[in-house]
Amino acid sequence: LNSAFHLTYNMVLNLLRVEEINPEYMLERSFYQFQNNSTIPSLEEKVKILEKQRDAVIIDKEESVTNYYRIRQQLAKLDSQIQQYITKPKYIVPFLQPGRLIKIVHEADDFGWGAVVNYQKKLNQKGTDFVYVVEVLLRCSTESCKTAPKIAPLPPPPGDKGEMQVVPVMLHYIAKISSVRVFLPKDLRGADNRFTVGKSIQEVQKRFPHGLPLLDPVVDMHIKDEDFRKIVKKIEALENRLVSNAVHKHPDLDNLYTSCQKKAEIAAEVREAKKELKKAQTIMQMDELKCRKRVLRRLGYANAADVIELKGRVACEID
C-alpha cells in the first residue's frame, strides 16, 4: 500500500484559512511522510555498513596514492575532451583513408584496433544536419557475427578468436587514430581477405608493443583551436605531476591504484546513501508547497505572511 497523497492549490488555501493548523503540520503527519520515514532506519544501517567497508580498505602511502588516482582521473576527463576535438568532422575526415588504423570503443565495449574501409556522409534522422558513418573492419565475437545484423556486433570475449567484419561506426566512437595504414584488398566480401587484414593489424601491434603511433593533433591534424591548446597544456602539467608523484615507480602500483579506486567507489556510495538519508529525513513535498504558496501570493489569494485574503476565502467557498 503506497500513499498517493499530493498537494493541490485548494487544499493549501483551506489549510491557510484554519488558524490551528498549517500546511507544514499536515505534511509532517501525512501517511505519505510516514511511509517515507519508515525507510530511515534501513538507510542509516546502509550508511554504517558502507562506511565500515570504506574504512576496511587499507592503502599503503594512502595520501600519495590518492593524489596519484585523482591526477589519473583528471587526465581521463581531459583525454575525453581531446577525443571530442579530434573526432570533429573537419579534423578527422581528411585522415579516414582506406587502411587507416583506428581504435573503436562503444560505451563499455572495447573493439581494439580496426582498419578504415570507407566513410559516408548522410543526413541525420531529423534531416537537419549531416553525420559521418565510417565503415571499419573490426574483430567481432563469433556469436554476434552469426546474429548480425539483427544484433549489434560485440568484441570477442577471452578465448574467442572472433571474426573480421565490416561494421558501421559513428565518429564519436573513435577513441584513437593511428598514423599507421595497412593494405586493404579491393574485395572484402570474402572471409579470407578479411582474415588477411586482421593478421596485418596483429603484426602491426606486435611491432609496436608500447602502443601504435598516433596522429599528433597539432602537428598532423592541424588543430589550432585556443581551447584545445589549453587542454593540451593542462595535460602536460598533470603528466609532469604524475611522473613526480612518490608512488609513480612503486613496484606494486597497479594493486595500490586498484585499492584506491575501490575505496573511492565505496566513498561515492557513502555520499549517495547520505543524500538519500537526508532526503528521507526532510519533509516531503515541502518545495512544492513553497511553490504553490508563491503562486497564491502572486494571484492575491494570500498575503506575504501567508494569511488568506478575501479573494482566497471566496475561492474556498466556491469550491
C-alpha atoms as a PDB file:
ATOM      1  CA  LEU A   1       0.000   0.000   0.000  1.00  0.00           C
ATOM      2  CA  ASN A   2       1.563   3.267  -1.167  1.00  0.00           C
ATOM      3  CA  SER A   3       0.195   6.719  -0.404  1.00  0.00           C
ATOM      4  CA  ALA A   4      -0.888   8.770  -3.431  1.00  0.00           C
ATOM      5  CA  PHE A   5      -1.085  11.958  -1.380  1.00  0.00           C
ATOM      6  CA  HIS A   6      -0.322  15.178  -3.267  1.00  0.00           C
ATOM      7  CA  LEU A   7      -0.906  18.874  -2.696  1.00  0.00           C
ATOM      8  CA  THR A   8      -3.484  20.997  -4.520  1.00  0.00           C
ATOM      9  CA  TYR A   9      -3.995  24.768  -4.507  1.00  0.00           C
ATOM     10  CA  ASN A  10      -7.439  24.463  -2.926  1.00  0.00           C
ATOM     11  CA  MET A  11      -6.042  22.215  -0.192  1.00  0.00           C
ATOM     12  CA  VAL A  12      -3.354  24.815   0.639  1.00  0.00           C
ATOM     13  CA  LEU A  13      -5.942  27.629   0.723  1.00  0.00           C
ATOM     14  CA  ASN A  14      -8.247  25.706   3.073  1.00  0.00           C
ATOM     15  CA  LEU A  15      -5.344  24.911   5.411  1.00  0.00           C
ATOM     16  CA  LEU A  16      -4.271  28.563   5.467  1.00  0.00           C
ATOM     17  CA  ARG A  17      -7.807  29.510   6.469  1.00  0.00           C
ATOM     18  CA  VAL A  18      -7.695  27.334   9.617  1.00  0.00           C
ATOM     19  CA  GLU A  19      -5.783  29.027  12.460  1.00  0.00           C
ATOM     20  CA  GLU A  20      -4.957  25.907  14.496  1.00  0.00           C
ATOM     21  CA  ILE A  21      -3.285  24.060  11.614  1.00  0.00           C
ATOM     22  CA  ASN A  22      -0.962  24.876   8.725  1.00  0.00           C
ATOM     23  CA  PRO A  23       0.119  23.013   5.568  1.00  0.00           C
ATOM     24  CA  GLU A  24       3.511  22.117   7.059  1.00  0.00           C
ATOM     25  CA  TYR A  25       1.811  20.448  10.037  1.00  0.00           C
ATOM     26  CA  MET A  26      -0.369  18.368   7.707  1.00  0.00           C
ATOM     27  CA  LEU A  27       2.641  17.310   5.594  1.00  0.00           C
ATOM     28  CA  GLU A  28       4.552  16.174   8.687  1.00  0.00           C
ATOM     29  CA  ARG A  29       1.673  13.948   9.797  1.00  0.00           C
ATOM     30  CA  SER A  30       0.584  12.603   6.428  1.00  0.00           C
ATOM     31  CA  PHE A  31       0.690   8.866   5.652  1.00  0.00           C
ATOM     32  CA  TYR A  32       2.965   9.744   2.719  1.00  0.00           C
ATOM     33  CA  GLN A  33       5.516  11.207   5.161  1.00  0.00           C
ATOM     34  CA  PHE A  34       5.111   8.235   7.489  1.00  0.00           C
ATOM     35  CA  GLN A  35       5.957   5.808   4.680  1.00  0.00           C
ATOM     36  CA  ASN A  36       8.997   7.888   3.799  1.00  0.00           C
ATOM     37  CA  ASN A  37      10.199   7.989   7.435  1.00  0.00           C
ATOM     38  CA  SER A  38       9.911   4.198   7.678  1.00  0.00           C
ATOM     39  CA  THR A  39      12.937   3.893   5.357  1.00  0.00           C
ATOM     40  CA  ILE A  40      15.217   5.927   7.676  1.00  0.00           C
ATOM     41  CA  PRO A  41      16.458   3.015   9.893  1.00  0.00           C
ATOM     42  CA  SER A  42      17.443   0.912   6.850  1.00  0.00           C
ATOM     43  CA  LEU A  43      19.192   3.906   5.248  1.00  0.00           C
ATOM     44  CA  GLU A  44      21.114   4.624   8.463  1.00  0.00           C
ATOM     45  CA  GLU A  45      22.212   0.973   8.573  1.00  0.00           C
ATOM     46  CA  LYS A  46      23.237   1.178   4.910  1.00  0.00           C
ATOM     47  CA  VAL A  47      25.434   4.225   5.623  1.00  0.00           C
ATOM     48  CA  LYS A  48      27.127   2.449   8.574  1.00  0.00           C
ATOM     49  CA  ILE A  49      27.851  -0.683   6.505  1.00  0.00           C
ATOM     50  CA  LEU A  50      29.299   1.327   3.620  1.00  0.00           C
ATOM     51  CA  GLU A  51      31.465   3.409   5.980  1.00  0.00           C
ATOM     52  CA  LYS A  52      32.853   0.207   7.523  1.00  0.00           C
ATOM     53  CA  GLN A  53      33.634  -1.163   4.048  1.00  0.00           C
ATOM     54  CA  ARG A  54      35.365   2.092   3.125  1.00  0.00           C
ATOM     55  CA  ASP A  55      37.446   2.169   6.323  1.00  0.00           C
ATOM     56  CA  ALA A  56      38.375  -1.505   5.873  1.00  0.00           C
ATOM     57  CA  VAL A  57      40.331  -0.689   2.697  1.00  0.00           C
ATOM     58  CA  ILE A  58      43.867  -0.014   3.938  1.00  0.00           C
ATOM     59  CA  ILE A  59      46.255   1.568   1.436  1.00  0.00           C
ATOM     60  CA  ASP A  60      49.996   1.961   1.878  1.00  0.00           C
ATOM     61  CA  LYS A  61      51.067   5.614   1.364  1.00  0.00           C
ATOM     62  CA  GLU A  62      47.392   6.499   1.019  1.00  0.00           C
ATOM     63  CA  GLU A  63      47.874  10.259   0.588  1.00  0.00           C
ATOM     64  CA  SER A  64      50.289   9.848  -2.335  1.00  0.00           C
ATOM     65  CA  VAL A  65      48.202   7.090  -3.931  1.00  0.00           C
ATOM     66  CA  THR A  66      45.014   9.156  -3.607  1.00  0.00           C
ATOM     67  CA  ASN A  67      46.746  12.120  -5.210  1.00  0.00           C
ATOM     68  CA  TYR A  68      48.005   9.847  -7.999  1.00  0.00           C
ATOM     69  CA  TYR A  69      44.488   8.453  -8.505  1.00  0.00           C
ATOM     70  CA  ARG A  70      42.933  11.938  -8.729  1.00  0.00           C
ATOM     71  CA  ILE A  71      45.501  13.054 -11.297  1.00  0.00           C
ATOM     72  CA  ARG A  72      44.750   9.974 -13.388  1.00  0.00           C
ATOM     73  CA  GLN A  73      41.026  10.740 -13.187  1.00  0.00           C
ATOM     74  CA  GLN A  74      41.609  14.339 -14.292  1.00  0.00           C
ATOM     75  CA  LEU A  75      43.741  13.116 -17.185  1.00  0.00           C
ATOM     76  CA  ALA A  76      40.973  10.725 -18.249  1.00  0.00           C
ATOM     77  CA  LYS A  77      38.481  13.624 -18.381  1.00  0.00           C
ATOM     78  CA  LEU A  78      40.896  15.771 -20.384  1.00  0.00           C
ATOM     79  CA  ASP A  79      41.581  12.860 -22.759  1.00  0.00           C
ATOM     80  CA  SER A  80      37.833  12.648 -23.324  1.00  0.00           C
ATOM     81  CA  GLN A  81      37.790  16.355 -24.245  1.00  0.00           C
ATOM     82  CA  ILE A  82      40.732  15.821 -26.612  1.00  0.00           C
ATOM     83  CA  GLN A  83      38.859  12.936 -28.234  1.00  0.00           C
ATOM     84  CA  GLN A  84      35.819  15.179 -28.784  1.00  0.00           C
ATOM     85  CA  TYR A  85      38.021  17.653 -30.678  1.00  0.00           C
ATOM     86  CA  ILE A  86      39.817  15.008 -32.713  1.00  0.00           C
ATOM     87  CA  THR A  87      36.564  13.371 -33.857  1.00  0.00           C
ATOM     88  CA  LYS A  88      35.116  16.606 -35.237  1.00  0.00           C
ATOM     89  CA  PRO A  89      34.489  16.047 -38.965  1.00  0.00           C
ATOM     90  CA  LYS A  90      36.621  18.996 -40.111  1.00  0.00           C
ATOM     91  CA  TYR A  91      39.673  17.497 -38.389  1.00  0.00           C
ATOM     92  CA  ILE A  92      39.274  13.724 -38.709  1.00  0.00           C
ATOM     93  CA  VAL A  93      37.555  13.196 -42.071  1.00  0.00           C
ATOM     94  CA  PRO A  94      40.673  14.060 -44.166  1.00  0.00           C
ATOM     95  CA  PHE A  95      42.510  11.198 -42.406  1.00  0.00           C
ATOM     96  CA  LEU A  96      39.875   8.490 -42.892  1.00  0.00           C
ATOM     97  CA  GLN A  97      41.678   6.904 -45.835  1.00  0.00           C
ATOM     98  CA  PRO A  98      41.206   3.163 -46.501  1.00  0.00           C
ATOM     99  CA  GLY A  99      43.562   1.125 -44.325  1.00  0.00           C
ATOM    100  CA  ARG A 100      43.955   3.760 -41.605  1.00  0.00           C
ATOM    101  CA  LEU A 101      44.060   2.094 -38.187  1.00  0.00           C
ATOM    102  CA  ILE A 102      41.609   3.490 -35.649  1.00  0.00           C
ATOM    103  CA  LYS A 103      40.608   2.269 -32.182  1.00  0.00           C
ATOM    104  CA  ILE A 104      36.885   1.811 -31.571  1.00  0.00           C
ATOM    105  CA  VAL A 105      35.277   1.967 -28.122  1.00  0.00           C
ATOM    106  CA  HIS A 106      31.484   1.746 -27.852  1.00  0.00           C
ATOM    107  CA  GLU A 107      30.459   2.516 -24.253  1.00  0.00           C
ATOM    108  CA  ALA A 108      31.914  -0.430 -22.262  1.00  0.00           C
ATOM    109  CA  ASP A 109      32.810  -2.464 -25.385  1.00  0.00           C
ATOM    110  CA  ASP A 110      36.429  -2.049 -26.494  1.00  0.00           C
ATOM    111  CA  PHE A 111      36.838  -3.437 -30.026  1.00  0.00           C
ATOM    112  CA  GLY A 112      40.505  -2.522 -30.187  1.00  0.00           C
ATOM    113  CA  TRP A 113      42.160  -1.523 -33.457  1.00  0.00           C
ATOM    114  CA  GLY A 114      40.435  -1.815 -36.815  1.00  0.00           C
ATOM    115  CA  ALA A 115      41.048  -0.633 -40.382  1.00  0.00           C
ATOM    116  CA  VAL A 116      39.020   2.069 -42.125  1.00  0.00           C
ATOM    117  CA  VAL A 117      37.309   0.737 -45.248  1.00  0.00           C
ATOM    118  CA  ASN A 118      35.250   3.733 -46.288  1.00  0.00           C
ATOM    119  CA  TYR A 119      33.051   6.518 -44.900  1.00  0.00           C
ATOM    120  CA  GLN A 120      29.747   8.062 -45.910  1.00  0.00           C
ATOM    121  CA  LYS A 121      28.175  11.447 -45.322  1.00  0.00           C
ATOM    122  CA  LYS A 122      24.470  11.168 -44.527  1.00  0.00           C
ATOM    123  CA  LEU A 123      21.607  13.307 -43.287  1.00  0.00           C
ATOM    124  CA  ASN A 124      20.570  12.584 -39.706  1.00  0.00           C
ATOM    125  CA  GLN A 125      17.128  11.169 -38.897  1.00  0.00           C
ATOM    126  CA  LYS A 126      15.641  14.650 -38.431  1.00  0.00           C
ATOM    127  CA  GLY A 127      17.111  15.762 -41.759  1.00  0.00           C
ATOM    128  CA  THR A 128      18.617  18.861 -40.152  1.00  0.00           C
ATOM    129  CA  ASP A 129      22.331  18.067 -40.240  1.00  0.00           C
ATOM    130  CA  PHE A 130      24.920  15.766 -41.805  1.00  0.00           C
ATOM    131  CA  VAL A 131      26.583  12.886 -39.947  1.00  0.00           C
ATOM    132  CA  TYR A 132      29.527  10.733 -40.936  1.00  0.00           C
ATOM    133  CA  VAL A 133      29.381   6.944 -40.771  1.00  0.00           C
ATOM    134  CA  VAL A 134      32.718   5.126 -41.001  1.00  0.00           C
ATOM    135  CA  GLU A 135      32.900   1.531 -42.221  1.00  0.00           C
ATOM    136  CA  VAL A 136      35.575  -0.185 -40.128  1.00  0.00           C
ATOM    137  CA  LEU A 137      36.948  -3.715 -40.377  1.00  0.00           C
ATOM    138  CA  LEU A 138      36.854  -4.946 -36.769  1.00  0.00           C
ATOM    139  CA  ARG A 139      37.327  -8.211 -34.929  1.00  0.00           C
ATOM    140  CA  CYS A 140      33.920  -9.196 -33.556  1.00  0.00           C
ATOM    141  CA  SER A 141      32.744 -12.139 -31.463  1.00  0.00           C
ATOM    142  CA  THR A 142      31.774 -15.273 -33.378  1.00  0.00           C
ATOM    143  CA  GLU A 143      28.322 -15.315 -31.763  1.00  0.00           C
ATOM    144  CA  SER A 144      27.485 -11.707 -32.686  1.00  0.00           C
ATOM    145  CA  CYS A 145      28.647 -12.336 -36.275  1.00  0.00           C
ATOM    146  CA  LYS A 146      26.116 -15.158 -36.583  1.00  0.00           C
ATOM    147  CA  THR A 147      23.218 -12.975 -35.416  1.00  0.00           C
ATOM    148  CA  ALA A 148      24.223  -9.857 -37.415  1.00  0.00           C
ATOM    149  CA  PRO A 149      22.668  -7.519 -38.461  1.00  0.00           C
ATOM    150  CA  LYS A 150      19.758  -8.124 -36.053  1.00  0.00           C
ATOM    151  CA  ILE A 151      22.032  -7.727 -33.009  1.00  0.00           C
ATOM    152  CA  ALA A 152      24.834  -5.159 -32.737  1.00  0.00           C
ATOM    153  CA  PRO A 153      28.355  -6.656 -33.024  1.00  0.00           C
ATOM    154  CA  LEU A 154      30.332  -7.246 -29.845  1.00  0.00           C
ATOM    155  CA  PRO A 155      34.079  -7.600 -29.217  1.00  0.00           C
ATOM    156  CA  PRO A 156      35.265 -11.207 -28.826  1.00  0.00           C
ATOM    157  CA  PRO A 157      35.362 -12.470 -25.225  1.00  0.00           C
ATOM    158  CA  PRO A 158      38.500 -14.175 -23.832  1.00  0.00           C
ATOM    159  CA  GLY A 159      39.118 -17.477 -25.616  1.00  0.00           C
ATOM    160  CA  ASP A 160      37.181 -16.460 -28.731  1.00  0.00           C
ATOM    161  CA  LYS A 161      39.337 -15.661 -31.788  1.00  0.00           C
ATOM    162  CA  GLY A 162      36.394 -13.869 -33.353  1.00  0.00           C
ATOM    163  CA  GLU A 163      35.835 -12.923 -36.975  1.00  0.00           C
ATOM    164  CA  MET A 164      36.756  -9.853 -39.009  1.00  0.00           C
ATOM    165  CA  GLN A 165      33.622  -7.948 -40.013  1.00  0.00           C
ATOM    166  CA  VAL A 166      32.930  -4.571 -41.600  1.00  0.00           C
ATOM    167  CA  VAL A 167      30.990  -2.535 -39.019  1.00  0.00           C
ATOM    168  CA  PRO A 168      29.423   0.943 -39.490  1.00  0.00           C
ATOM    169  CA  VAL A 169      30.667   3.294 -36.751  1.00  0.00           C
ATOM    170  CA  MET A 170      29.834   6.885 -35.798  1.00  0.00           C
ATOM    171  CA  LEU A 171      32.735   9.330 -35.431  1.00  0.00           C
ATOM    172  CA  HIS A 172      32.358   9.764 -31.666  1.00  0.00           C
ATOM    173  CA  TYR A 173      33.154   6.062 -31.129  1.00  0.00           C
ATOM    174  CA  ILE A 174      36.665   6.572 -32.482  1.00  0.00           C
ATOM    175  CA  ALA A 175      38.886   6.592 -29.388  1.00  0.00           C
ATOM    176  CA  LYS A 176      42.272   6.873 -31.165  1.00  0.00           C
ATOM    177  CA  ILE A 177      43.549   7.391 -34.683  1.00  0.00           C
ATOM    178  CA  SER A 178      46.940   5.996 -35.682  1.00  0.00           C
ATOM    179  CA  SER A 179      49.436   7.278 -38.198  1.00  0.00           C
ATOM    180  CA  VAL A 180      49.775   3.677 -39.450  1.00  0.00           C
ATOM    181  CA  ARG A 181      47.900   2.364 -42.501  1.00  0.00           C
ATOM    182  CA  VAL A 182      47.648  -1.221 -43.727  1.00  0.00           C
ATOM    183  CA  PHE A 183      46.984  -2.531 -47.220  1.00  0.00           C
ATOM    184  CA  LEU A 184      43.358  -3.430 -47.968  1.00  0.00           C
ATOM    185  CA  PRO A 185      42.308  -5.867 -50.725  1.00  0.00           C
ATOM    186  CA  LYS A 186      39.828  -4.439 -53.263  1.00  0.00           C
ATOM    187  CA  ASP A 187      37.185  -7.000 -52.302  1.00  0.00           C
ATOM    188  CA  LEU A 188      36.491  -7.592 -48.600  1.00  0.00           C
ATOM    189  CA  ARG A 189      33.395  -9.732 -49.100  1.00  0.00           C
ATOM    190  CA  GLY A 190      35.490 -12.889 -48.825  1.00  0.00           C
ATOM    191  CA  ALA A 191      36.336 -14.136 -45.316  1.00  0.00           C
ATOM    192  CA  ASP A 192      39.924 -14.942 -46.395  1.00  0.00           C
ATOM    193  CA  ASN A 193      40.633 -11.341 -47.422  1.00  0.00           C
ATOM    194  CA  ARG A 194      39.201 -10.017 -44.163  1.00  0.00           C
ATOM    195  CA  PHE A 195      41.268 -12.559 -42.219  1.00  0.00           C
ATOM    196  CA  THR A 196      44.423 -11.373 -44.016  1.00  0.00           C
ATOM    197  CA  VAL A 197      43.781  -7.776 -42.963  1.00  0.00           C
ATOM    198  CA  GLY A 198      43.212  -8.969 -39.389  1.00  0.00           C
ATOM    199  CA  LYS A 199      46.611 -10.685 -39.427  1.00  0.00           C
ATOM    200  CA  SER A 200      48.206  -7.472 -40.735  1.00  0.00           C
ATOM    201  CA  ILE A 201      46.697  -5.486 -37.846  1.00  0.00           C
ATOM    202  CA  GLN A 202      48.064  -8.040 -35.360  1.00  0.00           C
ATOM    203  CA  GLU A 203      51.530  -7.792 -36.932  1.00  0.00           C
ATOM    204  CA  VAL A 204      51.481  -4.005 -36.610  1.00  0.00           C
ATOM    205  CA  GLN A 205      50.552  -4.325 -32.922  1.00  0.00           C
ATOM    206  CA  LYS A 206      53.475  -6.732 -32.389  1.00  0.00           C
ATOM    207  CA  ARG A 207      55.873  -4.212 -33.958  1.00  0.00           C
ATOM    208  CA  PHE A 208      54.664  -1.528 -31.542  1.00  0.00           C
ATOM    209  CA  PRO A 209      54.355  -3.314 -28.162  1.00  0.00           C
ATOM    210  CA  HIS A 210      54.094   0.003 -26.301  1.00  0.00           C
ATOM    211  CA  GLY A 211      51.201   1.211 -28.433  1.00  0.00           C
ATOM    212  CA  LEU A 212      50.638   2.254 -32.019  1.00  0.00           C
ATOM    213  CA  PRO A 213      51.949   5.704 -33.041  1.00  0.00           C
ATOM    214  CA  LEU A 214      49.108   8.220 -33.094  1.00  0.00           C
ATOM    215  CA  LEU A 215      48.460  11.230 -35.288  1.00  0.00           C
ATOM    216  CA  ASP A 216      49.567  14.372 -33.491  1.00  0.00           C
ATOM    217  CA  PRO A 217      46.501  16.642 -33.130  1.00  0.00           C
ATOM    218  CA  VAL A 218      48.550  19.831 -33.565  1.00  0.00           C
ATOM    219  CA  VAL A 219      51.336  18.826 -35.977  1.00  0.00           C
ATOM    220  CA  ASP A 220      49.465  16.286 -38.141  1.00  0.00           C
ATOM    221  CA  MET A 221      45.786  17.206 -37.800  1.00  0.00           C
ATOM    222  CA  HIS A 222      46.431  20.971 -37.577  1.00  0.00           C
ATOM    223  CA  ILE A 223      44.057  21.653 -34.693  1.00  0.00           C
ATOM    224  CA  LYS A 224      44.808  25.258 -33.757  1.00  0.00           C
ATOM    225  CA  ASP A 225      41.817  25.997 -31.547  1.00  0.00           C
ATOM    226  CA  GLU A 226      42.845  28.038 -28.472  1.00  0.00           C
ATOM    227  CA  ASP A 227      40.693  25.999 -26.077  1.00  0.00           C
ATOM    228  CA  PHE A 228      42.289  22.827 -27.433  1.00  0.00           C
ATOM    229  CA  ARG A 229      45.765  24.220 -26.768  1.00  0.00           C
ATOM    230  CA  LYS A 230      44.749  24.998 -23.176  1.00  0.00           C
ATOM    231  CA  ILE A 231      43.621  21.385 -22.693  1.00  0.00           C
ATOM    232  CA  VAL A 232      46.964  20.143 -24.085  1.00  0.00           C
ATOM    233  CA  LYS A 233      48.862  22.370 -21.643  1.00  0.00           C
ATOM    234  CA  LYS A 234      46.769  21.086 -18.728  1.00  0.00           C
ATOM    235  CA  ILE A 235      47.530  17.506 -19.757  1.00  0.00           C
ATOM    236  CA  GLU A 236      51.264  18.254 -19.931  1.00  0.00           C
ATOM    237  CA  ALA A 237      51.204  19.820 -16.452  1.00  0.00           C
ATOM    238  CA  LEU A 238      49.262  16.885 -14.972  1.00  0.00           C
ATOM    239  CA  GLU A 239      51.562  14.334 -16.611  1.00  0.00           C
ATOM    240  CA  ASN A 240      54.547  16.080 -15.025  1.00  0.00           C
ATOM    241  CA  ARG A 241      52.831  15.895 -11.631  1.00  0.00           C
ATOM    242  CA  LEU A 242      52.049  12.232 -12.259  1.00  0.00           C
ATOM    243  CA  VAL A 243      55.688  11.374 -13.006  1.00  0.00           C
ATOM    244  CA  SER A 244      56.931  13.292  -9.978  1.00  0.00           C
ATOM    245  CA  ASN A 245      54.474  11.529  -7.641  1.00  0.00           C
ATOM    246  CA  ALA A 246      56.131   9.393  -4.951  1.00  0.00           C
ATOM    247  CA  VAL A 247      54.307   6.199  -5.998  1.00  0.00           C
ATOM    248  CA  HIS A 248      54.799   6.548  -9.763  1.00  0.00           C
ATOM    249  CA  LYS A 249      57.606   3.941  -9.775  1.00  0.00           C
ATOM    250  CA  HIS A 250      56.219   1.843  -6.923  1.00  0.00           C
ATOM    251  CA  PRO A 251      56.572  -1.885  -7.775  1.00  0.00           C
ATOM    252  CA  ASP A 252      53.007  -2.591  -6.589  1.00  0.00           C
ATOM    253  CA  LEU A 253      51.432   0.480  -8.202  1.00  0.00           C
ATOM    254  CA  ASP A 254      48.680  -1.433 -10.047  1.00  0.00           C
ATOM    255  CA  ASN A 255      47.366  -3.015  -6.842  1.00  0.00           C
ATOM    256  CA  LEU A 256      47.608   0.266  -4.942  1.00  0.00           C
ATOM    257  CA  TYR A 257      45.687   2.053  -7.707  1.00  0.00           C
ATOM    258  CA  THR A 258      43.005  -0.673  -7.770  1.00  0.00           C
ATOM    259  CA  SER A 259      42.562  -0.430  -3.986  1.00  0.00           C
ATOM    260  CA  CYS A 260      42.300   3.356  -4.174  1.00  0.00           C
ATOM    261  CA  GLN A 261      39.744   3.101  -6.963  1.00  0.00           C
ATOM    262  CA  LYS A 262      37.706   0.628  -4.900  1.00  0.00           C
ATOM    263  CA  LYS A 263      37.812   2.939  -1.871  1.00  0.00           C
ATOM    264  CA  ALA A 264      36.784   5.927  -4.000  1.00  0.00           C
ATOM    265  CA  GLU A 265      33.822   3.992  -5.396  1.00  0.00           C
ATOM    266  CA  ILE A 266      32.675   3.000  -1.888  1.00  0.00           C
ATOM    267  CA  ALA A 267      33.123   6.615  -0.734  1.00  0.00           C
ATOM    268  CA  ALA A 268      30.865   7.727  -3.600  1.00  0.00           C
ATOM    269  CA  GLU A 269      28.258   5.173  -2.478  1.00  0.00           C
ATOM    270  CA  VAL A 270      28.513   6.571   1.084  1.00  0.00           C
ATOM    271  CA  ARG A 271      27.850  10.104  -0.188  1.00  0.00           C
ATOM    272  CA  GLU A 272      24.876   8.894  -2.222  1.00  0.00           C
ATOM    273  CA  ALA A 273      23.465   6.967   0.741  1.00  0.00           C
ATOM    274  CA  LYS A 274      23.801  10.049   2.966  1.00  0.00           C
ATOM    275  CA  LYS A 275      21.921  12.100   0.367  1.00  0.00           C
ATOM    276  CA  GLU A 276      19.116   9.536   0.397  1.00  0.00           C
ATOM    277  CA  LEU A 277      19.077   9.624   4.215  1.00  0.00           C
ATOM    278  CA  LYS A 278      18.963  13.423   4.305  1.00  0.00           C
ATOM    279  CA  LYS A 279      16.132  13.400   1.770  1.00  0.00           C
ATOM    280  CA  ALA A 280      14.205  10.856   3.859  1.00  0.00           C
ATOM    281  CA  GLN A 281      14.638  12.990   6.994  1.00  0.00           C
ATOM    282  CA  THR A 282      13.196  16.121   5.363  1.00  0.00           C
ATOM    283  CA  ILE A 283       9.502  16.834   4.967  1.00  0.00           C
ATOM    284  CA  MET A 284       8.321  15.526   1.597  1.00  0.00           C
ATOM    285  CA  GLN A 285       6.733  17.905  -0.924  1.00  0.00           C
ATOM    286  CA  MET A 286       7.969  20.940   1.039  1.00  0.00           C
ATOM    287  CA  ASP A 287       9.445  22.510  -2.113  1.00  0.00           C
ATOM    288  CA  GLU A 288       6.155  22.011  -3.923  1.00  0.00           C
ATOM    289  CA  LEU A 289       4.296  23.644  -1.027  1.00  0.00           C
ATOM    290  CA  LYS A 290       6.592  26.686  -1.198  1.00  0.00           C
ATOM    291  CA  CYS A 291       5.984  26.991  -4.936  1.00  0.00           C
ATOM    292  CA  ARG A 292       2.218  26.750  -4.555  1.00  0.00           C
ATOM    293  CA  LYS A 293       2.231  29.360  -1.773  1.00  0.00           C
ATOM    294  CA  ARG A 294       4.254  31.693  -4.014  1.00  0.00           C
ATOM    295  CA  VAL A 295       1.680  31.322  -6.807  1.00  0.00           C
ATOM    296  CA  LEU A 296      -1.197  32.004  -4.417  1.00  0.00           C
ATOM    297  CA  ARG A 297       0.538  35.150  -3.109  1.00  0.00           C
ATOM    298  CA  ARG A 298       1.133  36.457  -6.639  1.00  0.00           C
ATOM    299  CA  LEU A 299      -2.514  35.854  -7.559  1.00  0.00           C
ATOM    300  CA  GLY A 300      -3.649  37.743  -4.455  1.00  0.00           C
ATOM    301  CA  TYR A 301      -5.200  34.796  -2.613  1.00  0.00           C
ATOM    302  CA  ALA A 302      -2.833  35.225   0.356  1.00  0.00           C
ATOM    303  CA  ASN A 303      -0.500  37.941   1.644  1.00  0.00           C
ATOM    304  CA  ALA A 304       3.234  37.834   2.353  1.00  0.00           C
ATOM    305  CA  ALA A 305       2.595  36.427   5.853  1.00  0.00           C
ATOM    306  CA  ASP A 306       0.580  33.516   4.353  1.00  0.00           C
ATOM    307  CA  VAL A 307      -2.652  34.950   5.747  1.00  0.00           C
ATOM    308  CA  ILE A 308      -5.566  34.193   3.445  1.00  0.00           C
ATOM    309  CA  GLU A 309      -7.161  37.249   1.781  1.00  0.00           C
ATOM    310  CA  LEU A 310     -10.835  37.848   0.916  1.00  0.00           C
ATOM    311  CA  LYS A 311     -10.238  36.591  -2.602  1.00  0.00           C
ATOM    312  CA  GLY A 312      -8.875  33.350  -1.178  1.00  0.00           C
ATOM    313  CA  ARG A 313     -11.824  32.922   1.205  1.00  0.00           C
ATOM    314  CA  VAL A 314     -14.271  33.355  -1.689  1.00  0.00           C
ATOM    315  CA  ALA A 315     -12.367  30.743  -3.695  1.00  0.00           C
ATOM    316  CA  CYS A 316     -12.631  28.288  -0.807  1.00  0.00           C
ATOM    317  CA  GLU A 317     -16.399  28.846  -0.536  1.00  0.00           C
ATOM    318  CA  ILE A 318     -16.934  28.429  -4.301  1.00  0.00           C
ATOM    319  CA  ASP A 319     -15.084  25.105  -4.305  1.00  0.00           C
END
